[in-house]
Amino acid sequence: MEKATCIGNPPLALTMGCPAGIGPELVIRLFCSAGSSGSGNWVVVGDIRVLRQAAEQLGCTPTIIPWQPGMPVAEGTLPVVQVEEVRTEPIRWGQPDQRTGRMMGQAIERAVELVRDGRCSAIVTCPISKKSLQAAGYAYPGHTEMLAALTGTPKVRMMMAGPRLKVVLVTIHEPLRRVADLLTIEEIVDCIRMTRASLQHDFALARPRIAVAGLNPHGGEDGLFGDEEARLIAPAVSAFPAGEVTGPWPPDTVFHKAAAGRYDAVIAMYHDQGLIPFKLLHFQDGVNVTLGLPLVRTSVDHGTAYDIAGTNQADPASLIAALNLATTIVANRARGGAACGREC
């Protein structure tokens, strides 16, 4: 199993996710796969008892220790920042409740504090239950909105990043019937601008190549299937230097071209337009990157998987990729971003 190669200081803050989901198993499986080197340069924000329960379930015996800001990450140990909501009884795998929601919310809040105070360098998140989060009193639709509120960020975007394809969404969790009404030139321009900035500063691409997908079949077919391409998307593309941003391209071909290396990222108009091709290529190793935050945040690209929680089937590939990408972004930002060519 590939090891998460997280180097440098301070450590990454890895939130455990929903205690009743696969997050604790992912953490333990990742740690135990790393051998004698242990966790590397990351600390878990969660609950020690839940992690020990997951370790027992997996037949792994890690040395789990409490961690306080400023402590070194000792080789061969699993350091944990304990949340306030301490679990005293065993977790019921696959059965989230209000208490697991409080633990999730507290872990996110604590991770933000650690990065804001300079004690950790980035946040990497395991999956949560939005329903349990809200039941615990956190009035946010999900992770991203909570992080935006905690950091005072007015606008964030979701990038899905993999070795072959990167996708950024103009609209995210919206019913398909609303998408066309939500699209504006300003929103598309803002999405392109944030994508370009991330590719330059986070991925060290001095001259990123961005393709913008159309909304309608065949890119509207010159207005036969819709006018959003001519009325909204083309004017947004023209706001950028010629050749740097291109489109609107027919959605049924642009992702193939990007995966083949012609583009560094694709701007998709709606959720499934971008995520279906992305997950076809990167179902196991994809990473969710939140653009616009004043801190680095990456996440696994899957959910809590309650149906397999506690069955020792969770695959940590996406978590490994998220940890590695967070480390890369932190290093690229420290070096000043776009200081190298596409080969970097």
C-alpha atoms as a PDB file:
ATOM      1  CA  MET A   1       0.000   0.000   0.000  1.00  0.00           C
ATOM      2  CA  GLU A   2       1.300   3.438  -0.945  1.00  0.00           C
ATOM      3  CA  LYS A   3       2.461   5.517   1.993  1.00  0.00           C
ATOM      4  CA  ALA A   4       1.380   9.097   2.552  1.00  0.00           C
ATOM      5  CA  THR A   5       4.594  11.083   2.218  1.00  0.00           C
ATOM      6  CA  CYS A   6       4.025  14.085   4.452  1.00  0.00           C
ATOM      7  CA  ILE A   7       7.184  15.927   5.347  1.00  0.00           C
ATOM      8  CA  GLY A   8       7.960  19.258   6.879  1.00  0.00           C
ATOM      9  CA  ASN A   9       6.796  21.202   9.881  1.00  0.00           C
ATOM     10  CA  PRO A  10       4.304  21.974  11.370  1.00  0.00           C
ATOM     11  CA  PRO A  11       2.157  18.859  10.909  1.00  0.00           C
ATOM     12  CA  LEU A  12      -1.059  18.515   8.947  1.00  0.00           C
ATOM     13  CA  ALA A  13      -4.303  18.372  10.940  1.00  0.00           C
ATOM     14  CA  LEU A  14      -6.272  15.285   9.880  1.00  0.00           C
ATOM     15  CA  THR A  15      -9.878  15.313  11.099  1.00  0.00           C
ATOM     16  CA  MET A  16     -11.290  11.855  11.871  1.00  0.00           C
ATOM     17  CA  GLY A  17     -14.621  12.483  10.158  1.00  0.00           C
ATOM     18  CA  CYS A  18     -17.789  10.783  11.349  1.00  0.00           C
ATOM     19  CA  PRO A  19     -16.860   8.407  14.188  1.00  0.00           C
ATOM     20  CA  ALA A  20     -19.488   5.914  13.000  1.00  0.00           C
ATOM     21  CA  GLY A  21     -18.266   5.939   9.402  1.00  0.00           C
ATOM     22  CA  ILE A  22     -15.107   4.683   7.738  1.00  0.00           C
ATOM     23  CA  GLY A  23     -12.964   7.658   8.816  1.00  0.00           C
ATOM     24  CA  PRO A  24     -11.463   6.018  11.926  1.00  0.00           C
ATOM     25  CA  GLU A  25     -10.693   2.845   9.961  1.00  0.00           C
ATOM     26  CA  LEU A  26      -9.023   4.862   7.204  1.00  0.00           C
ATOM     27  CA  VAL A  27      -6.791   6.580   9.764  1.00  0.00           C
ATOM     28  CA  ILE A  28      -5.778   3.334  11.470  1.00  0.00           C
ATOM     29  CA  ARG A  29      -5.296   1.445   8.206  1.00  0.00           C
ATOM     30  CA  LEU A  30      -3.118   4.246   6.869  1.00  0.00           C
ATOM     31  CA  PHE A  31      -1.056   4.386  10.045  1.00  0.00           C
ATOM     32  CA  CYS A  32      -0.521   0.646  10.241  1.00  0.00           C
ATOM     33  CA  SER A  33       0.446   0.483   6.549  1.00  0.00           C
ATOM     34  CA  ALA A  34       3.228   3.009   7.163  1.00  0.00           C
ATOM     35  CA  GLY A  35       5.263   0.508   9.195  1.00  0.00           C
ATOM     36  CA  SER A  36       7.779   1.703  11.760  1.00  0.00           C
ATOM     37  CA  SER A  37       7.738   5.256  10.464  1.00  0.00           C
ATOM     38  CA  GLY A  38       4.223   5.713  11.829  1.00  0.00           C
ATOM     39  CA  SER A  39       2.041   8.629  10.867  1.00  0.00           C
ATOM     40  CA  GLY A  40       4.636  10.869   9.286  1.00  0.00           C
ATOM     41  CA  ASN A  41       3.973  14.579   9.732  1.00  0.00           C
ATOM     42  CA  TRP A  42       0.249  14.605  10.550  1.00  0.00           C
ATOM     43  CA  VAL A  43      -1.845  14.554  13.678  1.00  0.00           C
ATOM     44  CA  VAL A  44      -5.411  13.320  14.051  1.00  0.00           C
ATOM     45  CA  VAL A  45      -8.136  15.568  15.437  1.00  0.00           C
ATOM     46  CA  GLY A  46     -10.778  13.267  16.897  1.00  0.00           C
ATOM     47  CA  ASP A  47     -11.343  10.793  19.712  1.00  0.00           C
ATOM     48  CA  ILE A  48      -8.729   8.432  21.107  1.00  0.00           C
ATOM     49  CA  ARG A  49     -11.238   5.792  22.224  1.00  0.00           C
ATOM     50  CA  VAL A  50     -12.888   5.593  18.823  1.00  0.00           C
ATOM     51  CA  LEU A  51      -9.511   5.184  17.138  1.00  0.00           C
ATOM     52  CA  ARG A  52      -8.584   2.420  19.574  1.00  0.00           C
ATOM     53  CA  GLN A  53     -11.858   0.676  18.797  1.00  0.00           C
ATOM     54  CA  ALA A  54     -11.104   0.894  15.083  1.00  0.00           C
ATOM     55  CA  ALA A  55      -7.597  -0.440  15.702  1.00  0.00           C
ATOM     56  CA  GLU A  56      -8.964  -3.412  17.621  1.00  0.00           C
ATOM     57  CA  GLN A  57     -11.440  -4.062  14.820  1.00  0.00           C
ATOM     58  CA  LEU A  58      -8.551  -4.141  12.330  1.00  0.00           C
ATOM     59  CA  GLY A  59      -6.244  -6.178  14.547  1.00  0.00           C
ATOM     60  CA  CYS A  60      -3.706  -3.366  14.604  1.00  0.00           C
ATOM     61  CA  THR A  61      -1.972  -2.102  17.753  1.00  0.00           C
ATOM     62  CA  PRO A  62      -0.735   1.448  17.152  1.00  0.00           C
ATOM     63  CA  THR A  63       0.759   3.544  19.915  1.00  0.00           C
ATOM     64  CA  ILE A  64      -1.927   6.222  20.198  1.00  0.00           C
ATOM     65  CA  ILE A  65      -0.861   9.235  22.260  1.00  0.00           C
ATOM     66  CA  PRO A  66      -2.467  12.582  23.163  1.00  0.00           C
ATOM     67  CA  TRP A  67      -0.891  15.476  21.260  1.00  0.00           C
ATOM     68  CA  GLN A  68      -0.645  19.110  22.259  1.00  0.00           C
ATOM     69  CA  PRO A  69       0.291  21.957  19.903  1.00  0.00           C
ATOM     70  CA  GLY A  70       4.043  22.374  19.692  1.00  0.00           C
ATOM     71  CA  MET A  71       4.862  18.753  20.506  1.00  0.00           C
ATOM     72  CA  PRO A  72       6.981  16.904  17.929  1.00  0.00           C
ATOM     73  CA  VAL A  73       5.365  14.048  16.058  1.00  0.00           C
ATOM     74  CA  ALA A  74       7.259  11.099  17.496  1.00  0.00           C
ATOM     75  CA  GLU A  75       8.134   8.386  15.010  1.00  0.00           C
ATOM     76  CA  GLY A  76       6.014   5.271  15.358  1.00  0.00           C
ATOM     77  CA  THR A  77       3.212   6.991  17.296  1.00  0.00           C
ATOM     78  CA  LEU A  78      -0.275   8.096  16.311  1.00  0.00           C
ATOM     79  CA  PRO A  79      -0.746  11.575  17.850  1.00  0.00           C
ATOM     80  CA  VAL A  80      -4.322  12.649  18.546  1.00  0.00           C
ATOM     81  CA  VAL A  81      -5.812  16.021  19.468  1.00  0.00           C
ATOM     82  CA  GLN A  82      -8.772  14.979  21.627  1.00  0.00           C
ATOM     83  CA  VAL A  83     -12.087  16.749  20.973  1.00  0.00           C
ATOM     84  CA  GLU A  84     -14.251  17.844  23.900  1.00  0.00           C
ATOM     85  CA  GLU A  85     -17.015  15.306  23.209  1.00  0.00           C
ATOM     86  CA  VAL A  86     -15.327  12.230  24.699  1.00  0.00           C
ATOM     87  CA  ARG A  87     -16.798   8.877  23.699  1.00  0.00           C
ATOM     88  CA  THR A  88     -17.217   6.601  26.722  1.00  0.00           C
ATOM     89  CA  GLU A  89     -19.217   3.758  25.153  1.00  0.00           C
ATOM     90  CA  PRO A  90     -18.289   1.843  21.987  1.00  0.00           C
ATOM     91  CA  ILE A  91     -19.218   3.352  18.643  1.00  0.00           C
ATOM     92  CA  ARG A  92     -21.971   1.576  16.747  1.00  0.00           C
ATOM     93  CA  TRP A  93     -20.500   1.391  13.264  1.00  0.00           C
ATOM     94  CA  GLY A  94     -22.803   2.762  10.606  1.00  0.00           C
ATOM     95  CA  GLN A  95     -25.126   4.422  13.140  1.00  0.00           C
ATOM     96  CA  PRO A  96     -24.404   8.152  13.462  1.00  0.00           C
ATOM     97  CA  ASP A  97     -26.230  10.215  16.056  1.00  0.00           C
ATOM     98  CA  GLN A  98     -26.229  13.655  17.630  1.00  0.00           C
ATOM     99  CA  ARG A  99     -23.122  12.895  19.683  1.00  0.00           C
ATOM    100  CA  THR A 100     -21.126  11.788  16.660  1.00  0.00           C
ATOM    101  CA  GLY A 101     -22.276  15.032  15.038  1.00  0.00           C
ATOM    102  CA  ARG A 102     -20.824  17.057  17.907  1.00  0.00           C
ATOM    103  CA  MET A 103     -17.532  15.202  17.626  1.00  0.00           C
ATOM    104  CA  MET A 104     -17.369  15.951  13.898  1.00  0.00           C
ATOM    105  CA  GLY A 105     -18.124  19.634  14.402  1.00  0.00           C
ATOM    106  CA  GLN A 106     -15.629  20.011  17.241  1.00  0.00           C
ATOM    107  CA  ALA A 107     -12.900  18.350  15.181  1.00  0.00           C
ATOM    108  CA  ILE A 108     -13.430  20.793  12.310  1.00  0.00           C
ATOM    109  CA  GLU A 109     -13.421  23.780  14.681  1.00  0.00           C
ATOM    110  CA  ARG A 110     -10.256  22.590  16.418  1.00  0.00           C
ATOM    111  CA  ALA A 111      -8.447  21.924  13.144  1.00  0.00           C
ATOM    112  CA  VAL A 112      -9.179  25.463  11.956  1.00  0.00           C
ATOM    113  CA  GLU A 113      -7.817  26.830  15.248  1.00  0.00           C
ATOM    114  CA  LEU A 114      -4.638  24.784  14.911  1.00  0.00           C
ATOM    115  CA  VAL A 115      -3.935  26.107  11.408  1.00  0.00           C
ATOM    116  CA  ARG A 116      -4.942  29.660  12.266  1.00  0.00           C
ATOM    117  CA  ASP A 117      -2.534  29.614  15.235  1.00  0.00           C
ATOM    118  CA  GLY A 118       0.290  28.247  13.100  1.00  0.00           C
ATOM    119  CA  ARG A 119       0.373  24.935  14.983  1.00  0.00           C
ATOM    120  CA  CYS A 120      -0.614  22.931  11.909  1.00  0.00           C
ATOM    121  CA  SER A 121       0.075  23.676   8.260  1.00  0.00           C
ATOM    122  CA  ALA A 122      -3.144  22.465   6.583  1.00  0.00           C
ATOM    123  CA  ILE A 123      -6.410  20.610   7.129  1.00  0.00           C
ATOM    124  CA  VAL A 124      -7.134  17.205   5.629  1.00  0.00           C
ATOM    125  CA  THR A 125     -10.649  15.912   6.259  1.00  0.00           C
ATOM    126  CA  CYS A 126     -12.218  12.479   6.424  1.00  0.00           C
ATOM    127  CA  PRO A 127     -15.920  12.251   5.461  1.00  0.00           C
ATOM    128  CA  ILE A 128     -18.747  13.481   7.684  1.00  0.00           C
ATOM    129  CA  SER A 129     -22.509  13.067   7.928  1.00  0.00           C
ATOM    130  CA  LYS A 130     -24.206  16.352   7.049  1.00  0.00           C
ATOM    131  CA  LYS A 131     -27.418  15.197   8.740  1.00  0.00           C
ATOM    132  CA  SER A 132     -25.659  14.405  12.040  1.00  0.00           C
ATOM    133  CA  LEU A 133     -23.677  17.636  11.865  1.00  0.00           C
ATOM    134  CA  GLN A 134     -26.901  19.620  11.640  1.00  0.00           C
ATOM    135  CA  ALA A 135     -28.588  17.508  14.332  1.00  0.00           C
ATOM    136  CA  ALA A 136     -25.747  18.507  16.656  1.00  0.00           C
ATOM    137  CA  GLY A 137     -26.537  22.197  16.147  1.00  0.00           C
ATOM    138  CA  TYR A 138     -24.131  23.056  13.324  1.00  0.00           C
ATOM    139  CA  ALA A 139     -26.336  24.818  10.781  1.00  0.00           C
ATOM    140  CA  TYR A 140     -24.175  24.196   7.716  1.00  0.00           C
ATOM    141  CA  PRO A 141     -24.934  22.180   4.581  1.00  0.00           C
ATOM    142  CA  GLY A 142     -21.537  20.500   4.878  1.00  0.00           C
ATOM    143  CA  HIS A 143     -17.802  20.675   5.436  1.00  0.00           C
ATOM    144  CA  THR A 144     -17.027  23.376   2.917  1.00  0.00           C
ATOM    145  CA  GLU A 145     -19.670  25.822   4.112  1.00  0.00           C
ATOM    146  CA  MET A 146     -18.596  25.336   7.735  1.00  0.00           C
ATOM    147  CA  LEU A 147     -14.954  25.979   6.887  1.00  0.00           C
ATOM    148  CA  ALA A 148     -15.934  29.099   4.928  1.00  0.00           C
ATOM    149  CA  ALA A 149     -17.900  30.411   7.911  1.00  0.00           C
ATOM    150  CA  LEU A 150     -15.148  29.635  10.428  1.00  0.00           C
ATOM    151  CA  THR A 151     -12.568  31.465   8.308  1.00  0.00           C
ATOM    152  CA  GLY A 152     -14.810  34.346   7.262  1.00  0.00           C
ATOM    153  CA  THR A 153     -14.499  33.437   3.586  1.00  0.00           C
ATOM    154  CA  PRO A 154     -17.264  34.869   1.361  1.00  0.00           C
ATOM    155  CA  LYS A 155     -16.701  32.665  -1.692  1.00  0.00           C
ATOM    156  CA  VAL A 156     -15.299  29.160  -2.044  1.00  0.00           C
ATOM    157  CA  ARG A 157     -15.133  26.698  -4.922  1.00  0.00           C
ATOM    158  CA  MET A 158     -14.760  22.932  -5.104  1.00  0.00           C
ATOM    159  CA  MET A 159     -11.948  21.442  -7.153  1.00  0.00           C
ATOM    160  CA  MET A 160     -11.689  17.711  -7.715  1.00  0.00           C
ATOM    161  CA  ALA A 161      -8.054  16.892  -8.393  1.00  0.00           C
ATOM    162  CA  GLY A 162      -6.434  13.729  -9.676  1.00  0.00           C
ATOM    163  CA  PRO A 163      -3.276  12.829 -11.581  1.00  0.00           C
ATOM    164  CA  ARG A 164      -5.055  12.983 -14.961  1.00  0.00           C
ATOM    165  CA  LEU A 165      -7.942  15.375 -14.472  1.00  0.00           C
ATOM    166  CA  LYS A 166      -8.838  18.459 -12.435  1.00  0.00           C
ATOM    167  CA  VAL A 167     -12.384  19.792 -12.432  1.00  0.00           C
ATOM    168  CA  VAL A 168     -13.838  22.930 -10.824  1.00  0.00           C
ATOM    169  CA  LEU A 169     -17.597  23.499 -10.572  1.00  0.00           C
ATOM    170  CA  VAL A 170     -19.498  26.732 -11.210  1.00  0.00           C
ATOM    171  CA  THR A 171     -22.616  25.413  -9.453  1.00  0.00           C
ATOM    172  CA  ILE A 172     -22.372  22.578  -6.942  1.00  0.00           C
ATOM    173  CA  HIS A 173     -25.287  20.996  -5.056  1.00  0.00           C
ATOM    174  CA  GLU A 174     -28.141  22.410  -7.079  1.00  0.00           C
ATOM    175  CA  PRO A 175     -31.108  20.689  -8.738  1.00  0.00           C
ATOM    176  CA  LEU A 176     -30.463  20.338 -12.445  1.00  0.00           C
ATOM    177  CA  ARG A 177     -33.575  22.354 -13.292  1.00  0.00           C
ATOM    178  CA  ARG A 178     -32.069  25.408 -11.518  1.00  0.00           C
ATOM    179  CA  VAL A 179     -28.579  25.328 -13.037  1.00  0.00           C
ATOM    180  CA  ALA A 180     -29.258  27.409 -16.146  1.00  0.00           C
ATOM    181  CA  ASP A 181     -30.924  30.151 -14.082  1.00  0.00           C
ATOM    182  CA  LEU A 182     -28.013  30.270 -11.630  1.00  0.00           C
ATOM    183  CA  LEU A 183     -25.343  30.741 -14.291  1.00  0.00           C
ATOM    184  CA  THR A 184     -24.117  34.298 -14.846  1.00  0.00           C
ATOM    185  CA  ILE A 185     -21.127  35.783 -16.618  1.00  0.00           C
ATOM    186  CA  GLU A 186     -19.846  37.020 -13.255  1.00  0.00           C
ATOM    187  CA  GLU A 187     -20.068  33.571 -11.610  1.00  0.00           C
ATOM    188  CA  ILE A 188     -18.283  31.864 -14.480  1.00  0.00           C
ATOM    189  CA  VAL A 189     -15.556  34.541 -14.550  1.00  0.00           C
ATOM    190  CA  ASP A 190     -15.085  34.195 -10.782  1.00  0.00           C
ATOM    191  CA  CYS A 191     -14.793  30.405 -11.065  1.00  0.00           C
ATOM    192  CA  ILE A 192     -12.197  30.684 -13.840  1.00  0.00           C
ATOM    193  CA  ARG A 193     -10.236  33.286 -11.867  1.00  0.00           C
ATOM    194  CA  MET A 194     -10.132  31.148  -8.713  1.00  0.00           C
ATOM    195  CA  THR A 195      -9.154  28.090 -10.712  1.00  0.00           C
ATOM    196  CA  ARG A 196      -6.310  29.944 -12.438  1.00  0.00           C
ATOM    197  CA  ALA A 197      -5.036  31.265  -9.091  1.00  0.00           C
ATOM    198  CA  SER A 198      -5.058  27.770  -7.571  1.00  0.00           C
ATOM    199  CA  LEU A 199      -3.250  26.222 -10.525  1.00  0.00           C
ATOM    200  CA  GLN A 200      -0.576  28.915 -10.260  1.00  0.00           C
ATOM    201  CA  HIS A 201      -0.115  29.053  -6.477  1.00  0.00           C
ATOM    202  CA  ASP A 202      -1.128  25.565  -5.338  1.00  0.00           C
ATOM    203  CA  PHE A 203       0.039  23.481  -8.306  1.00  0.00           C
ATOM    204  CA  ALA A 204       2.962  25.702  -9.414  1.00  0.00           C
ATOM    205  CA  LEU A 205       1.806  26.048 -13.018  1.00  0.00           C
ATOM    206  CA  ALA A 206       3.047  29.358 -14.347  1.00  0.00           C
ATOM    207  CA  ARG A 207       0.834  29.271 -17.462  1.00  0.00           C
ATOM    208  CA  PRO A 208      -2.139  27.026 -16.737  1.00  0.00           C
ATOM    209  CA  ARG A 209      -4.381  25.894 -19.567  1.00  0.00           C
ATOM    210  CA  ILE A 210      -8.059  26.027 -18.637  1.00  0.00           C
ATOM    211  CA  ALA A 211     -10.915  24.615 -20.714  1.00  0.00           C
ATOM    212  CA  VAL A 212     -14.492  25.717 -20.076  1.00  0.00           C
ATOM    213  CA  ALA A 213     -17.286  23.250 -20.781  1.00  0.00           C
ATOM    214  CA  GLY A 214     -20.542  24.285 -22.357  1.00  0.00           C
ATOM    215  CA  LEU A 215     -23.869  23.660 -20.669  1.00  0.00           C
ATOM    216  CA  ASN A 216     -25.916  22.118 -23.457  1.00  0.00           C
ATOM    217  CA  PRO A 217     -25.406  19.073 -25.710  1.00  0.00           C
ATOM    218  CA  HIS A 218     -22.757  19.762 -28.375  1.00  0.00           C
ATOM    219  CA  GLY A 219     -22.094  23.140 -26.757  1.00  0.00           C
ATOM    220  CA  GLY A 220     -25.520  24.398 -27.805  1.00  0.00           C
ATOM    221  CA  GLU A 221     -25.021  23.572 -31.514  1.00  0.00           C
ATOM    222  CA  ASP A 222     -24.969  27.270 -32.490  1.00  0.00           C
ATOM    223  CA  GLY A 223     -28.070  28.010 -30.454  1.00  0.00           C
ATOM    224  CA  LEU A 224     -30.104  25.026 -31.615  1.00  0.00           C
ATOM    225  CA  PHE A 225     -30.016  23.400 -28.163  1.00  0.00           C
ATOM    226  CA  GLY A 226     -29.709  26.523 -25.989  1.00  0.00           C
ATOM    227  CA  ASP A 227     -28.114  29.950 -25.928  1.00  0.00           C
ATOM    228  CA  GLU A 228     -26.192  29.843 -22.636  1.00  0.00           C
ATOM    229  CA  GLU A 229     -22.919  29.208 -24.457  1.00  0.00           C
ATOM    230  CA  ALA A 230     -23.174  32.383 -26.545  1.00  0.00           C
ATOM    231  CA  ARG A 231     -24.951  34.508 -23.943  1.00  0.00           C
ATOM    232  CA  LEU A 232     -22.996  33.609 -20.776  1.00  0.00           C
ATOM    233  CA  ILE A 233     -20.046  31.266 -21.191  1.00  0.00           C
ATOM    234  CA  ALA A 234     -18.315  32.760 -24.243  1.00  0.00           C
ATOM    235  CA  PRO A 235     -18.319  36.304 -22.768  1.00  0.00           C
ATOM    236  CA  ALA A 236     -16.799  34.924 -19.544  1.00  0.00           C
ATOM    237  CA  VAL A 237     -14.050  33.149 -21.488  1.00  0.00           C
ATOM    238  CA  SER A 238     -13.306  36.321 -23.466  1.00  0.00           C
ATOM    239  CA  ALA A 239     -12.532  38.139 -20.202  1.00  0.00           C
ATOM    240  CA  PHE A 240      -9.187  36.281 -20.119  1.00  0.00           C
ATOM    241  CA  PRO A 241      -6.188  36.399 -22.449  1.00  0.00           C
ATOM    242  CA  ALA A 242      -6.648  34.446 -25.665  1.00  0.00           C
ATOM    243  CA  GLY A 243      -5.232  30.932 -25.412  1.00  0.00           C
ATOM    244  CA  GLU A 244      -5.042  30.934 -21.612  1.00  0.00           C
ATOM    245  CA  VAL A 245      -8.727  30.083 -21.200  1.00  0.00           C
ATOM    246  CA  THR A 246     -10.653  28.446 -24.036  1.00  0.00           C
ATOM    247  CA  GLY A 247     -14.237  27.390 -24.654  1.00  0.00           C
ATOM    248  CA  PRO A 248     -17.053  26.812 -24.418  1.00  0.00           C
ATOM    249  CA  TRP A 249     -16.257  23.264 -25.488  1.00  0.00           C
ATOM    250  CA  PRO A 250     -18.802  20.471 -26.029  1.00  0.00           C
ATOM    251  CA  PRO A 251     -19.070  18.675 -22.667  1.00  0.00           C
ATOM    252  CA  ASP A 252     -18.920  15.216 -24.275  1.00  0.00           C
ATOM    253  CA  THR A 253     -15.368  15.748 -25.571  1.00  0.00           C
ATOM    254  CA  VAL A 254     -13.587  18.282 -23.359  1.00  0.00           C
ATOM    255  CA  PHE A 255     -12.954  15.938 -20.414  1.00  0.00           C
ATOM    256  CA  HIS A 256     -11.342  13.366 -22.689  1.00  0.00           C
ATOM    257  CA  LYS A 257      -9.010  16.040 -24.066  1.00  0.00           C
ATOM    258  CA  ALA A 258      -8.114  17.246 -20.570  1.00  0.00           C
ATOM    259  CA  ALA A 259      -7.406  13.705 -19.366  1.00  0.00           C
ATOM    260  CA  ALA A 260      -5.135  13.268 -22.380  1.00  0.00           C
ATOM    261  CA  GLY A 261      -3.046  16.245 -21.219  1.00  0.00           C
ATOM    262  CA  ARG A 262      -4.298  19.082 -23.400  1.00  0.00           C
ATOM    263  CA  TYR A 263      -5.683  21.101 -20.463  1.00  0.00           C
ATOM    264  CA  ASP A 264      -4.712  21.476 -16.811  1.00  0.00           C
ATOM    265  CA  ALA A 265      -8.289  21.894 -15.587  1.00  0.00           C
ATOM    266  CA  VAL A 266     -11.861  21.947 -16.830  1.00  0.00           C
ATOM    267  CA  ILE A 267     -14.539  24.348 -15.607  1.00  0.00           C
ATOM    268  CA  ALA A 268     -17.819  22.421 -15.385  1.00  0.00           C
ATOM    269  CA  MET A 269     -21.197  24.142 -15.195  1.00  0.00           C
ATOM    270  CA  TYR A 270     -22.814  21.724 -12.745  1.00  0.00           C
ATOM    271  CA  HIS A 271     -22.089  18.902 -10.313  1.00  0.00           C
ATOM    272  CA  ASP A 272     -22.601  15.721 -12.315  1.00  0.00           C
ATOM    273  CA  GLN A 273     -21.201  17.213 -15.516  1.00  0.00           C
ATOM    274  CA  GLY A 274     -17.822  17.413 -13.798  1.00  0.00           C
ATOM    275  CA  LEU A 275     -17.915  14.617 -11.249  1.00  0.00           C
ATOM    276  CA  ILE A 276     -19.056  11.774 -13.480  1.00  0.00           C
ATOM    277  CA  PRO A 277     -15.957  11.908 -15.741  1.00  0.00           C
ATOM    278  CA  PHE A 278     -13.739  12.710 -12.772  1.00  0.00           C
ATOM    279  CA  LYS A 279     -14.839   9.736 -10.687  1.00  0.00           C
ATOM    280  CA  LEU A 280     -14.685   7.467 -13.698  1.00  0.00           C
ATOM    281  CA  LEU A 281     -10.943   8.205 -13.770  1.00  0.00           C
ATOM    282  CA  HIS A 282     -10.202   8.879 -10.099  1.00  0.00           C
ATOM    283  CA  PHE A 283     -12.755   6.996  -8.016  1.00  0.00           C
ATOM    284  CA  GLN A 284     -10.049   5.764  -5.624  1.00  0.00           C
ATOM    285  CA  ASP A 285      -7.364   8.448  -5.724  1.00  0.00           C
ATOM    286  CA  GLY A 286      -9.333  11.662  -6.241  1.00  0.00           C
ATOM    287  CA  VAL A 287      -8.987  14.609  -3.859  1.00  0.00           C
ATOM    288  CA  ASN A 288     -11.431  17.387  -3.014  1.00  0.00           C
ATOM    289  CA  VAL A 289      -9.631  20.747  -2.736  1.00  0.00           C
ATOM    290  CA  THR A 290     -11.433  23.822  -1.394  1.00  0.00           C
ATOM    291  CA  LEU A 291     -10.459  26.941  -3.314  1.00  0.00           C
ATOM    292  CA  GLY A 292     -10.683  30.413  -1.795  1.00  0.00           C
ATOM    293  CA  LEU A 293      -9.983  29.592   1.845  1.00  0.00           C
ATOM    294  CA  PRO A 294      -7.139  31.394   3.663  1.00  0.00           C
ATOM    295  CA  LEU A 295      -5.825  27.944   4.623  1.00  0.00           C
ATOM    296  CA  VAL A 296      -5.074  24.740   2.754  1.00  0.00           C
ATOM    297  CA  ARG A 297      -7.857  22.165   2.900  1.00  0.00           C
ATOM    298  CA  THR A 298      -7.985  18.865   1.068  1.00  0.00           C
ATOM    299  CA  SER A 299     -10.379  15.993   1.587  1.00  0.00           C
ATOM    300  CA  VAL A 300     -11.152  12.488   0.486  1.00  0.00           C
ATOM    301  CA  ASP A 301     -13.561  12.477  -2.447  1.00  0.00           C
ATOM    302  CA  HIS A 302     -15.959   9.897  -0.968  1.00  0.00           C
ATOM    303  CA  GLY A 303     -18.556   9.709   1.785  1.00  0.00           C
ATOM    304  CA  THR A 304     -18.881   8.028   5.165  1.00  0.00           C
ATOM    305  CA  ALA A 305     -19.739   4.628   3.624  1.00  0.00           C
ATOM    306  CA  TYR A 306     -21.882   3.546   6.584  1.00  0.00           C
ATOM    307  CA  ASP A 307     -22.737   0.323   4.770  1.00  0.00           C
ATOM    308  CA  ILE A 308     -19.150  -0.955   5.127  1.00  0.00           C
ATOM    309  CA  ALA A 309     -18.113   0.829   8.357  1.00  0.00           C
ATOM    310  CA  GLY A 310     -16.587  -1.625  10.799  1.00  0.00           C
ATOM    311  CA  THR A 311     -16.140  -4.348   8.186  1.00  0.00           C
ATOM    312  CA  ASN A 312     -12.454  -3.718   7.427  1.00  0.00           C
ATOM    313  CA  GLN A 313     -13.089  -2.900   3.767  1.00  0.00           C
ATOM    314  CA  ALA A 314     -12.251   0.834   3.672  1.00  0.00           C
ATOM    315  CA  ASP A 315      -9.612   1.833   1.108  1.00  0.00           C
ATOM    316  CA  PRO A 316      -7.330   4.701   2.239  1.00  0.00           C
ATOM    317  CA  ALA A 317      -6.126   5.540  -1.291  1.00  0.00           C
ATOM    318  CA  SER A 318      -8.048   8.825  -1.446  1.00  0.00           C
ATOM    319  CA  LEU A 319      -6.867   9.773   2.057  1.00  0.00           C
ATOM    320  CA  ILE A 320      -3.255   9.106   1.074  1.00  0.00           C
ATOM    321  CA  ALA A 321      -3.725  11.282  -1.998  1.00  0.00           C
ATOM    322  CA  ALA A 322      -5.331  14.043   0.096  1.00  0.00           C
ATOM    323  CA  LEU A 323      -2.450  14.077   2.585  1.00  0.00           C
ATOM    324  CA  ASN A 324       0.144  14.103  -0.168  1.00  0.00           C
ATOM    325  CA  LEU A 325      -1.610  16.873  -2.092  1.00  0.00           C
ATOM    326  CA  ALA A 326      -1.984  19.016   1.035  1.00  0.00           C
ATOM    327  CA  THR A 327       1.755  18.681   1.620  1.00  0.00           C
ATOM    328  CA  THR A 328       2.461  19.647  -1.997  1.00  0.00           C
ATOM    329  CA  ILE A 329       0.203  22.706  -1.861  1.00  0.00           C
ATOM    330  CA  VAL A 330       1.746  23.892   1.415  1.00  0.00           C
ATOM    331  CA  ALA A 331       5.224  23.561  -0.096  1.00  0.00           C
ATOM    332  CA  ASN A 332       4.216  25.301  -3.341  1.00  0.00           C
ATOM    333  CA  ARG A 333       2.686  28.234  -1.465  1.00  0.00           C
ATOM    334  CA  ALA A 334       5.805  28.528   0.678  1.00  0.00           C
ATOM    335  CA  ARG A 335       7.922  28.714  -2.488  1.00  0.00           C
ATOM    336  CA  GLY A 336       5.711  31.386  -3.968  1.00  0.00           C
ATOM    337  CA  GLY A 337       3.547  29.282  -6.256  1.00  0.00           C
ATOM    338  CA  ALA A 338       4.129  29.485  -9.991  1.00  0.00           C
ATOM    339  CA  ALA A 339       7.897  29.337  -9.989  1.00  0.00           C
ATOM    340  CA  CYS A 340       8.200  26.450 -12.398  1.00  0.00           C
ATOM    341  CA  GLY A 341       6.767  25.093 -15.613  1.00  0.00           C
ATOM    342  CA  ARG A 342       4.160  22.423 -16.287  1.00  0.00           C
ATOM    343  CA  GLU A 343       6.656  19.640 -15.634  1.00  0.00           C
ATOM    344  CA  CYS A 344       6.531  20.523 -11.921  1.00  0.00           C
END
